[in-house]
Protein backbone atom coordinates (compact mmCIF):
# COMPACT_ATOMS: atom_id res chain seq x y z
CA MET A 1 15.46 20.88 -39.14
CA LYS A 2 15.07 22.41 -42.57
CA ILE A 3 14.12 19.87 -45.23
CA THR A 4 14.19 20.71 -48.94
CA ARG A 5 12.60 17.96 -50.97
CA THR A 6 13.83 17.09 -54.44
CA ALA A 7 11.77 18.25 -57.39
CA SER A 8 13.01 15.30 -59.46
CA PRO A 9 12.72 12.04 -57.50
CA LYS A 10 14.59 9.10 -58.96
CA LYS A 11 12.98 5.85 -59.98
CA LYS A 12 13.60 3.27 -57.30
CA PRO A 13 15.11 -0.08 -58.34
CA GLU A 14 12.57 -2.82 -58.96
CA ASP A 15 14.90 -5.80 -58.51
CA GLY A 16 16.81 -5.61 -55.24
CA SER A 17 18.87 -8.66 -56.13
CA LYS A 18 20.73 -6.62 -58.78
CA LEU A 19 21.68 -3.61 -56.67
CA GLY A 20 25.41 -4.17 -56.35
CA PHE A 21 27.22 -2.21 -53.67
CA GLY A 22 27.46 1.58 -53.35
CA ARG A 23 26.51 2.49 -56.92
CA LEU A 24 23.03 3.96 -56.43
CA PHE A 25 22.09 6.84 -54.13
CA THR A 26 18.81 8.07 -52.68
CA ASP A 27 17.06 11.36 -53.40
CA HIS A 28 18.30 13.30 -50.36
CA MET A 29 21.34 13.83 -48.15
CA PHE A 30 22.10 15.55 -44.87
CA LEU A 31 24.53 18.50 -44.64
CA MET A 32 25.85 20.27 -41.54
CA ARG A 33 28.59 22.89 -41.31
CA ALA A 34 30.95 23.90 -38.54
CA GLU A 35 32.85 27.16 -38.16
CA ASN A 36 35.61 27.30 -35.55
CA GLY A 37 34.32 24.11 -33.97
CA VAL A 38 30.66 25.17 -33.68
CA TRP A 39 28.12 23.19 -35.70
CA ASP A 40 24.96 24.64 -37.21
CA GLU A 41 21.73 22.63 -36.98
CA GLY A 42 22.12 21.10 -40.43
CA GLU A 43 19.59 20.46 -43.17
CA ILE A 44 18.31 17.77 -45.50
CA VAL A 45 18.66 18.70 -49.17
CA PRO A 46 18.34 16.96 -52.55
CA TYR A 47 21.25 14.64 -53.28
CA GLY A 48 23.77 16.29 -55.56
CA PRO A 49 27.25 17.78 -55.97
CA ILE A 50 28.78 19.72 -53.10
CA PRO A 51 30.51 22.94 -54.23
CA LEU A 52 34.16 23.06 -53.13
CA ASP A 53 36.75 25.75 -53.64
CA PRO A 54 39.76 24.40 -55.61
CA ALA A 55 41.89 25.36 -52.59
CA ALA A 56 39.74 23.39 -50.10
CA THR A 57 41.98 21.78 -47.51
CA VAL A 58 40.50 18.33 -48.00
CA LEU A 59 41.68 18.33 -51.63
CA HIS A 60 45.26 19.19 -50.73
CA TYR A 61 45.89 17.72 -47.29
CA GLY A 62 43.33 14.94 -46.91
CA GLN A 63 41.73 16.20 -43.69
CA GLU A 64 38.79 13.79 -43.85
CA VAL A 65 37.14 10.96 -41.93
CA PHE A 66 34.09 8.80 -42.60
CA GLU A 67 31.95 5.99 -41.25
CA GLY A 68 29.88 3.11 -42.59
CA MET A 69 26.69 1.61 -41.21
CA LYS A 70 23.46 0.10 -42.49
CA ALA A 71 19.69 0.31 -42.13
CA TYR A 72 17.96 -3.07 -42.37
CA ARG A 73 14.38 -3.91 -43.33
CA ALA A 74 13.01 -6.53 -40.94
CA GLU A 75 10.49 -9.10 -42.14
CA ASP A 76 7.76 -7.35 -40.13
CA GLY A 77 8.53 -4.02 -41.81
CA ARG A 78 10.55 -2.44 -39.00
CA ILE A 79 13.63 -0.39 -39.92
CA LEU A 80 16.64 -1.29 -37.79
CA LEU A 81 20.07 0.29 -37.35
CA PHE A 82 22.95 -1.65 -35.83
CA ARG A 83 24.99 0.00 -33.07
CA PRO A 84 24.76 3.50 -34.64
CA ARG A 85 25.99 5.31 -31.54
CA ASP A 86 29.19 3.26 -31.67
CA ASN A 87 29.76 4.45 -35.21
CA PHE A 88 29.35 8.12 -34.33
CA GLU A 89 31.55 7.71 -31.26
CA ARG A 90 34.24 6.11 -33.42
CA MET A 91 33.85 8.97 -35.89
CA ASN A 92 34.63 11.38 -33.06
CA THR A 93 37.78 9.39 -32.27
CA SER A 94 38.84 9.65 -35.92
CA ALA A 95 37.90 13.35 -36.04
CA HIS A 96 40.02 14.15 -33.00
CA ARG A 97 43.09 12.55 -34.60
CA LEU A 98 42.65 14.64 -37.76
CA CYS A 99 41.84 17.91 -35.94
CA LEU A 100 38.19 17.94 -36.96
CA PRO A 101 35.37 18.99 -34.59
CA LYS A 102 33.50 16.33 -32.67
CA LEU A 103 29.81 15.61 -33.20
CA ASP A 104 27.11 15.51 -30.57
CA VAL A 105 26.43 11.77 -30.89
CA GLU A 106 22.75 11.95 -29.96
CA TYR A 107 22.11 14.87 -32.29
CA ALA A 108 23.95 13.19 -35.16
CA LEU A 109 21.83 10.07 -34.59
CA SER A 110 18.62 12.13 -34.59
CA CYS A 111 19.63 13.74 -37.91
CA LEU A 112 20.32 10.33 -39.41
CA VAL A 113 16.92 9.10 -38.22
CA GLU A 114 15.20 12.07 -39.91
CA LEU A 115 17.01 11.34 -43.17
CA ILE A 116 16.09 7.65 -43.07
CA ARG A 117 12.47 8.46 -42.30
CA LEU A 118 12.37 10.61 -45.43
CA GLU A 119 14.08 7.92 -47.53
CA ARG A 120 12.50 4.83 -45.94
CA ASP A 121 11.02 3.65 -49.25
CA TRP A 122 14.57 3.27 -50.58
CA ILE A 123 15.39 0.52 -48.10
CA PRO A 124 15.42 -2.69 -50.16
CA ARG A 125 13.56 -5.82 -49.16
CA ALA A 126 15.44 -8.57 -51.04
CA PRO A 127 17.45 -11.03 -48.88
CA GLY A 128 20.92 -9.80 -48.04
CA THR A 129 20.20 -6.20 -49.03
CA SER A 130 20.27 -3.06 -46.89
CA LEU A 131 20.52 0.71 -47.02
CA TYR A 132 24.20 1.54 -46.68
CA ILE A 133 24.85 4.75 -44.72
CA ARG A 134 27.96 6.86 -45.30
CA PRO A 135 28.63 9.76 -42.90
CA ASN A 136 31.58 11.90 -43.98
CA MET A 137 33.43 14.89 -42.48
CA PHE A 138 36.09 17.06 -44.11
CA GLY A 139 37.81 20.43 -44.07
CA VAL A 140 36.72 23.04 -46.64
CA ASP A 141 38.89 26.09 -45.86
CA ALA A 142 40.02 27.80 -49.06
CA ARG A 143 43.74 28.18 -48.38
CA LEU A 144 47.00 26.48 -49.16
CA GLY A 145 48.70 26.88 -45.83
CA VAL A 146 49.04 23.61 -43.94
CA GLY A 147 46.88 23.62 -40.81
CA ALA A 148 43.64 22.37 -39.32
CA ALA A 149 40.54 23.61 -41.13
CA LYS A 150 38.29 26.15 -39.41
CA SER A 151 35.43 25.45 -41.83
CA VAL A 152 34.20 21.85 -41.86
CA LEU A 153 31.40 20.02 -43.64
CA PHE A 154 29.61 16.91 -42.35
CA ASN A 155 27.30 14.99 -44.65
CA ILE A 156 25.38 11.72 -44.76
CA ILE A 157 24.48 9.94 -47.98
CA LEU A 158 22.47 6.73 -48.40
CA SER A 159 22.90 3.90 -50.88
CA PRO A 160 20.54 0.91 -51.31
CA SER A 161 22.95 -1.98 -51.72
CA GLY A 162 23.35 -5.69 -52.07
CA PRO A 163 26.21 -7.76 -50.62
CA TYR A 164 29.69 -6.20 -50.66
CA TYR A 165 30.96 -9.33 -52.36
CA ALA A 166 28.71 -10.41 -55.22
CA LYS A 167 29.32 -14.06 -54.31
CA GLY A 168 28.01 -13.50 -50.78
CA LEU A 169 29.36 -15.88 -48.15
CA ALA A 170 31.52 -17.79 -50.63
CA PRO A 171 35.19 -17.92 -49.56
CA THR A 172 37.51 -15.11 -50.65
CA LYS A 173 41.16 -15.17 -51.68
CA ILE A 174 43.51 -12.91 -49.74
CA PHE A 175 46.95 -11.64 -50.78
CA VAL A 176 49.40 -11.13 -47.90
CA GLU A 177 51.34 -7.93 -48.66
CA PRO A 178 55.10 -8.43 -48.10
CA GLU A 179 56.39 -5.03 -49.24
CA TYR A 180 54.03 -2.07 -48.86
CA VAL A 181 52.98 -0.64 -45.49
CA ARG A 182 49.55 0.79 -44.77
CA ALA A 183 49.94 2.22 -41.25
CA VAL A 184 52.12 2.26 -38.14
CA ARG A 185 51.40 2.82 -34.48
CA GLY A 186 51.37 6.53 -33.74
CA GLY A 187 49.92 7.29 -37.16
CA ILE A 188 46.28 7.31 -38.28
CA GLY A 189 45.77 3.59 -38.84
CA PHE A 190 43.17 3.42 -36.06
CA ALA A 191 41.14 6.25 -37.63
CA LYS A 192 38.62 5.70 -40.40
CA ALA A 193 40.29 8.21 -42.68
CA GLY A 194 40.38 8.27 -46.45
CA GLY A 195 44.18 8.42 -46.50
CA ASN A 196 44.41 4.91 -45.08
CA TYR A 197 42.41 3.57 -47.99
CA ALA A 198 44.35 5.59 -50.56
CA ALA A 199 47.55 4.02 -49.21
CA SER A 200 46.10 0.55 -49.80
CA MET A 201 45.09 0.89 -53.44
CA LEU A 202 48.32 -0.01 -55.24
CA ALA A 203 48.66 -3.23 -53.28
CA ALA A 204 44.98 -3.96 -53.92
CA GLN A 205 45.50 -3.62 -57.66
CA GLU A 206 48.41 -6.03 -57.56
CA ALA A 207 46.35 -8.45 -55.46
CA HIS A 208 43.51 -8.34 -57.99
CA ASP A 209 45.99 -9.05 -60.79
CA LEU A 210 46.81 -12.27 -58.92
CA GLY A 211 43.14 -13.21 -58.67
CA CYS A 212 42.78 -12.17 -55.02
CA ASP A 213 39.92 -10.21 -53.47
CA GLN A 214 41.71 -8.28 -50.73
CA VAL A 215 45.08 -7.46 -49.19
CA LEU A 216 46.14 -8.63 -45.73
CA TRP A 217 48.50 -6.09 -44.18
CA LEU A 218 51.41 -6.84 -41.86
CA ASP A 219 52.66 -4.45 -39.19
CA GLY A 220 54.71 -1.55 -40.51
CA VAL A 221 57.72 -2.01 -38.22
CA GLU A 222 58.72 -5.67 -38.11
CA ARG A 223 56.65 -6.77 -41.14
CA LYS A 224 55.88 -9.83 -39.07
CA TYR A 225 52.50 -9.49 -37.39
CA VAL A 226 49.10 -9.67 -39.08
CA GLU A 227 47.00 -6.51 -38.84
CA GLU A 228 43.88 -6.17 -41.00
CA VAL A 229 42.47 -6.53 -44.49
CA GLY A 230 41.75 -3.39 -46.51
CA SER A 231 38.08 -3.17 -45.56
CA MET A 232 37.82 -5.69 -42.70
CA ASN A 233 39.29 -6.86 -39.42
CA MET A 234 40.65 -10.42 -39.49
CA PHE A 235 39.90 -13.52 -37.41
CA PHE A 236 41.76 -16.84 -37.37
CA LEU A 237 40.43 -20.06 -35.84
CA PHE A 238 43.40 -22.07 -34.56
CA GLU A 239 41.83 -25.39 -33.53
CA ASP A 240 39.67 -24.27 -30.57
CA GLU A 241 40.88 -20.64 -30.30
CA LEU A 242 39.41 -17.78 -32.34
CA ALA A 243 42.06 -15.05 -32.47
CA THR A 244 42.02 -11.52 -33.87
CA PRO A 245 44.90 -9.02 -33.92
CA ALA A 246 44.99 -6.85 -30.80
CA LEU A 247 44.26 -3.14 -31.17
CA GLN A 248 47.59 -1.37 -30.82
CA GLY A 249 46.92 1.88 -32.65
CA SER A 250 47.46 0.86 -36.25
CA ILE A 251 44.20 -0.93 -37.10
CA LEU A 252 40.55 0.03 -36.94
CA SER A 253 38.44 -0.85 -33.93
CA GLY A 254 35.67 -2.45 -35.97
CA ILE A 255 32.08 -2.38 -34.74
CA THR A 256 31.50 -5.78 -36.35
CA ARG A 257 34.78 -6.99 -34.79
CA ARG A 258 33.48 -6.08 -31.32
CA SER A 259 30.21 -7.84 -32.05
CA VAL A 260 31.93 -11.01 -33.29
CA LEU A 261 34.08 -11.20 -30.16
CA GLN A 262 30.99 -10.94 -27.95
CA LEU A 263 28.94 -13.42 -29.98
CA ALA A 264 31.78 -15.94 -30.14
CA LYS A 265 32.26 -15.89 -26.36
CA ASP A 266 28.52 -16.31 -25.80
CA MET A 267 28.51 -19.24 -28.23
CA GLY A 268 31.15 -20.99 -26.14
CA ILE A 269 34.04 -20.22 -28.48
CA LYS A 270 37.32 -19.14 -26.95
CA ALA A 271 37.85 -15.68 -28.49
CA VAL A 272 41.02 -13.69 -27.84
CA GLU A 273 42.75 -10.51 -28.97
CA ARG A 274 46.50 -10.96 -29.36
CA ARG A 275 49.45 -10.54 -31.67
CA ILE A 276 49.38 -13.05 -34.51
CA SER A 277 52.48 -13.55 -36.63
CA ILE A 278 52.28 -14.37 -40.31
CA ASP A 279 54.52 -17.37 -39.55
CA GLU A 280 51.86 -18.72 -37.18
CA VAL A 281 49.20 -18.27 -39.88
CA VAL A 282 51.33 -19.89 -42.59
CA ASP A 283 52.40 -22.79 -40.38
CA GLY A 284 48.80 -23.23 -39.24
CA ALA A 285 47.54 -23.42 -42.83
CA ARG A 286 50.21 -25.95 -43.77
CA SER A 287 49.69 -28.14 -40.71
CA GLY A 288 45.91 -27.91 -40.58
CA ARG A 289 45.94 -26.20 -37.19
CA LEU A 290 44.41 -23.12 -38.82
CA VAL A 291 40.87 -24.38 -39.31
CA GLU A 292 39.14 -21.19 -40.54
CA ALA A 293 39.83 -17.56 -41.30
CA PHE A 294 37.41 -14.73 -42.02
CA GLY A 295 37.14 -10.97 -42.22
CA SER A 296 34.53 -8.87 -40.43
CA GLY A 297 33.16 -5.45 -41.34
CA THR A 298 29.98 -3.45 -41.82
CA ALA A 299 29.96 -3.84 -45.59
CA ALA A 300 30.83 -7.54 -45.85
CA VAL A 301 29.60 -8.61 -42.36
CA ILE A 302 31.50 -11.95 -42.37
CA ALA A 303 33.75 -12.84 -45.31
CA PRO A 304 35.25 -16.36 -45.09
CA VAL A 305 38.80 -16.75 -46.40
CA GLY A 306 39.43 -19.92 -48.36
CA GLU A 307 42.91 -19.16 -49.63
CA LEU A 308 45.93 -17.04 -48.71
CA TYR A 309 48.61 -16.03 -51.21
CA TRP A 310 51.96 -15.61 -49.44
CA ARG A 311 55.28 -15.10 -51.25
CA GLY A 312 54.19 -17.10 -54.28
CA GLU A 313 52.58 -19.91 -52.27
CA LYS A 314 48.84 -20.55 -52.25
CA LEU A 315 47.74 -21.73 -48.83
CA ILE A 316 44.34 -23.38 -48.49
CA ILE A 317 42.52 -22.66 -45.22
CA GLY A 318 40.74 -25.74 -43.90
CA ASP A 319 39.04 -27.38 -46.86
CA GLY A 320 38.90 -24.10 -48.78
CA GLY A 321 35.18 -23.69 -48.12
CA THR A 322 33.06 -21.68 -45.72
CA GLY A 323 33.73 -22.91 -42.20
CA GLU A 324 31.19 -23.85 -39.56
CA VAL A 325 32.14 -21.07 -37.14
CA SER A 326 32.06 -18.45 -39.90
CA SER A 327 28.57 -19.59 -40.90
CA ARG A 328 27.30 -19.67 -37.32
CA LEU A 329 28.59 -16.18 -36.57
CA TYR A 330 27.18 -14.83 -39.84
CA ASP A 331 23.76 -16.32 -39.15
CA ARG A 332 23.73 -15.05 -35.59
CA LEU A 333 24.91 -11.56 -36.46
CA THR A 334 22.66 -11.02 -39.48
CA GLY A 335 19.76 -12.56 -37.57
CA ILE A 336 20.09 -9.80 -34.98
CA GLN A 337 20.64 -7.08 -37.58
CA TYR A 338 17.52 -8.02 -39.56
CA GLY A 339 15.41 -8.54 -36.45
CA LYS A 340 14.99 -12.28 -36.98
CA LEU A 341 16.70 -13.20 -33.71
CA GLU A 342 16.44 -11.77 -30.22
CA ASP A 343 18.92 -9.01 -29.45
CA PRO A 344 20.01 -9.43 -25.81
CA TYR A 345 22.76 -6.82 -26.21
CA GLY A 346 20.69 -3.77 -27.12
CA TRP A 347 22.61 -3.40 -30.38
CA THR A 348 19.65 -2.68 -32.65
CA PHE A 349 18.01 0.73 -32.88
CA GLU A 350 14.56 1.00 -34.43
CA VAL A 351 13.73 3.94 -36.67
CA LYS A 352 10.06 4.69 -36.04
C-alpha cells in the first residue's frame, strides 16, 4: 500500500481528559476509490480536504454510508479493536441498500490496521478515552441525473476522543418524539446512512431546548412502538426482563446491542428482543415496573436513562440514577474492550 506521510505533523494532545468527542483528527487518513464496482488498492495520505465536484452525487442525493468503531489502549500497551469485522460487514449491508459497492471485509480490516499502526501514538491513554474510527463511503459522480454512482470513494479517518457524553455514565434525559418520523420498514432505517441522522436533527434541537440529551423515536406507522434513540439502541429492564426493540427493518442492528444481549444472557439476565409499546414504557415508569433504561452504541457504550419526557410529563426511571444492571454491563463490556477482562467471545482484535 502506498503511504504518503505528512510533512506537517500535528501536536498531540497532552491531557487526554480534555479531548471531547470527535473534534480532533490524526495526521493521516485512508482513501480508496471504486470505478464501476471495482476497488483500487487504496492509499494512506495526510489528513486533509477531499476535492469534490459541485455536482458530486453525494451532495445532491445523499448516496452515503458510514460506520463507527474504536481502538482501545490496554493497560499493558496493547492496541485492541472491538468486533471490527462486524462493522465492515454491516457497512456492506448499508452499502447494498444505497447501491454502493461492497468491501472485501478482510482487506478493509487490513487497511485499517495499517492506518492505526501509523497513527498508534495518537491513541490516548487516559481512562475512558479511545481512538474513534470513522469509515465512510459515498458517490462522487459529477452529474445531476438521479442514479447510482459509478465512481465511489471510501475513506477512514481517526479521532482521539473522550466519552461521547461529557458526564460519562451519569443518567441522561430522553425526549420521546410524538410527531416526527425518522424511518419506516422498507426504507433505510436499518442502514447506517447519513440521511437517517439528517432526518433526526430537528427533533434533536427541540429535545435539547427542553433540556434533554437525545430523542427516542417511535415507529413510523402506528406511532406506538419504541424503536431507537438517535445514536443508540434502547434497552428497558422491566422487573426481571431486559427487553430491546426487535429488528424489523427500521432500526440499526447495533454491534454494541448484540454484545449487550450476549453479555446479559451470560450474566443470568433474561434478555429478549420484542416489540415494546410506549404505553408499556410509560406505565412501567409510573408503576415502578420499569426498573432501568439505557442506550447502547459504539460512541456512548452504555448510556443510562434517568428521565423520559413524554407529552409534557417527566417520567423518572427507577430512582433516576444509574442502575445496577447498566453499571454491570458497562463494566463487563468496557473491561473486555480495554483488555482488562477475559474475552471468551473472540470479540477483540489486537493490532500488532
